[in-house]
Protein backbone atom coordinates (compact mmCIF):
# COMPACT_ATOMS: atom_id res chain seq x y z
CA UNK A 1 61.05 43.15 -115.69
CA UNK A 2 58.97 40.30 -116.87
CA UNK A 3 57.26 37.78 -114.63
CA UNK A 4 59.84 35.06 -115.30
CA UNK A 5 62.77 37.29 -114.24
CA UNK A 6 60.92 38.34 -111.06
CA UNK A 7 60.34 34.70 -110.12
CA UNK A 8 63.98 33.86 -110.81
CA UNK A 9 65.18 36.75 -108.61
CA UNK A 10 62.80 35.76 -105.82
CA UNK A 11 63.89 32.12 -106.03
CA UNK A 12 67.54 33.15 -106.06
CA UNK A 13 67.11 35.38 -102.96
CA UNK A 14 65.19 32.69 -101.09
CA UNK A 15 67.91 30.20 -102.01
CA UNK A 16 70.58 32.52 -100.62
CA UNK A 17 68.64 32.99 -97.36
CA UNK A 18 68.17 29.21 -97.05
CA UNK A 19 71.88 28.53 -97.75
CA UNK A 20 72.97 31.15 -95.22
CA UNK A 21 70.61 29.62 -92.65
CA UNK A 22 72.16 26.17 -93.20
CA UNK A 23 75.69 27.53 -92.83
CA UNK A 24 75.28 29.76 -89.77
CA UNK A 25 72.67 28.02 -87.61
CA UNK A 26 74.95 25.09 -86.58
CA UNK A 27 77.73 27.54 -85.72
CA UNK A 28 75.59 29.41 -83.20
CA UNK A 29 75.86 26.70 -80.53
CA UNK A 30 79.55 25.95 -81.05
CA UNK A 31 82.23 27.21 -78.71
CA UNK A 32 85.15 29.15 -80.04
CA UNK A 33 88.53 27.90 -78.89
CA UNK A 34 90.08 30.30 -76.43
CA UNK A 35 86.90 32.31 -75.96
CA UNK A 36 85.92 33.30 -72.43
CA UNK A 37 89.24 32.14 -71.04
CA UNK A 38 90.74 33.86 -68.08
CA UNK A 39 94.41 34.72 -68.25
CA UNK A 40 96.70 32.01 -66.96
CA UNK A 41 97.31 32.72 -63.30
CA UNK A 42 98.86 30.21 -60.95
CA UNK A 43 96.55 29.59 -58.04
CA UNK A 44 96.94 27.52 -54.93
CA UNK A 45 93.88 25.41 -55.82
CA UNK A 46 96.13 22.53 -56.87
CA UNK A 47 96.01 19.95 -54.09
CA UNK A 48 98.23 16.95 -53.39
CA UNK A 49 97.80 14.08 -50.96
CA UNK A 50 100.84 12.80 -49.10
CA UNK A 51 100.81 9.51 -47.20
CA UNK A 52 103.75 8.84 -44.95
CA UNK A 53 105.45 8.99 -41.55
CA UNK A 54 106.28 12.11 -39.60
CA UNK A 55 110.01 12.77 -39.38
CA UNK A 56 109.88 16.12 -37.60
CA UNK A 57 107.25 18.53 -36.26
CA UNK A 58 107.58 22.26 -35.55
CA UNK A 59 104.96 24.89 -34.84
CA UNK A 60 104.96 25.99 -38.49
CA UNK A 61 105.95 22.90 -40.49
CA UNK A 62 105.70 19.16 -40.74
CA UNK A 63 108.39 17.00 -42.36
CA UNK A 64 107.04 13.73 -43.73
CA UNK A 65 108.77 10.77 -45.35
CA UNK A 66 106.24 9.77 -48.01
CA UNK A 67 105.47 6.28 -49.29
CA UNK A 68 108.10 6.79 -52.03
CA UNK A 69 110.74 7.45 -49.32
CA UNK A 70 110.98 11.13 -50.32
CA UNK A 71 111.15 13.85 -47.68
CA UNK A 72 108.34 16.39 -47.93
CA UNK A 73 108.33 19.66 -46.01
CA UNK A 74 104.78 20.93 -45.51
CA UNK A 75 103.92 24.30 -44.03
CA UNK A 76 101.20 24.65 -41.39
CA UNK A 77 99.01 27.68 -40.84
CA UNK A 78 96.00 28.73 -38.78
CA UNK A 79 93.62 27.21 -41.37
CA UNK A 80 95.19 23.72 -41.22
CA UNK A 81 92.70 21.21 -39.81
CA UNK A 82 94.33 18.48 -37.74
CA UNK A 83 92.58 15.29 -36.61
CA UNK A 84 93.89 12.33 -34.64
CA UNK A 85 91.86 9.12 -34.35
CA UNK A 86 88.91 10.99 -35.85
CA UNK A 87 88.92 13.78 -33.24
CA UNK A 88 90.08 17.37 -33.52
CA UNK A 89 93.71 17.77 -32.50
CA UNK A 90 96.53 20.31 -32.51
CA UNK A 91 100.08 20.26 -33.77
CA UNK A 92 101.38 19.24 -30.33
CA UNK A 93 99.39 15.99 -30.67
CA UNK A 94 101.50 14.92 -33.67
CA UNK A 95 104.69 13.04 -32.84
CA UNK A 96 107.64 11.74 -34.84
CA UNK A 97 106.93 8.34 -36.46
CA UNK A 98 103.15 8.98 -36.55
CA UNK A 99 101.54 7.78 -39.76
CA UNK A 100 99.79 10.72 -41.47
CA UNK A 101 97.69 11.57 -44.49
CA UNK A 102 98.23 15.19 -45.48
CA UNK A 103 96.20 17.09 -48.06
CA UNK A 104 98.21 20.14 -49.05
CA UNK A 105 97.81 22.99 -51.51
CA UNK A 106 100.65 23.92 -53.83
CA UNK A 107 101.67 27.54 -53.72
CA UNK A 108 104.26 29.62 -55.50
CA UNK A 109 107.42 27.74 -56.31
CA UNK A 110 105.76 24.43 -55.42
CA UNK A 111 105.68 25.20 -51.68
CA UNK A 112 103.20 22.96 -49.85
CA UNK A 113 100.80 24.20 -47.17
CA UNK A 114 98.71 21.65 -45.29
CA UNK A 115 94.96 21.95 -45.60
CA UNK A 116 94.28 18.82 -43.51
CA UNK A 117 96.51 16.50 -41.49
CA UNK A 118 94.98 13.20 -40.42
CA UNK A 119 96.63 10.85 -37.94
CA UNK A 120 94.72 7.55 -38.09
């Protein structure tokens, strides 16, 4: 091989390395769509806030007429935090026609379970 051919081969190889560097370096920091995704699983992390008036109270549920005049049945459990006038309260402290603000989590089938119930 003569000197000219060696220089051409070296230049060509360096050019290829440079071109590859330009093409792949920007792609390193990019995210791939769908990568690192967890499978779709419905969780109860979806929360809703309901403002309204109490229609009925039982030991395990609260029925509220919301500000759109729709009836909402909301389950209560041991983790539900209830406050009335800013103080801790229990379900027996809630009466029909009380104004309430309920933060509830949506479970399977759209069932609501109260996380907090506030009676102003």
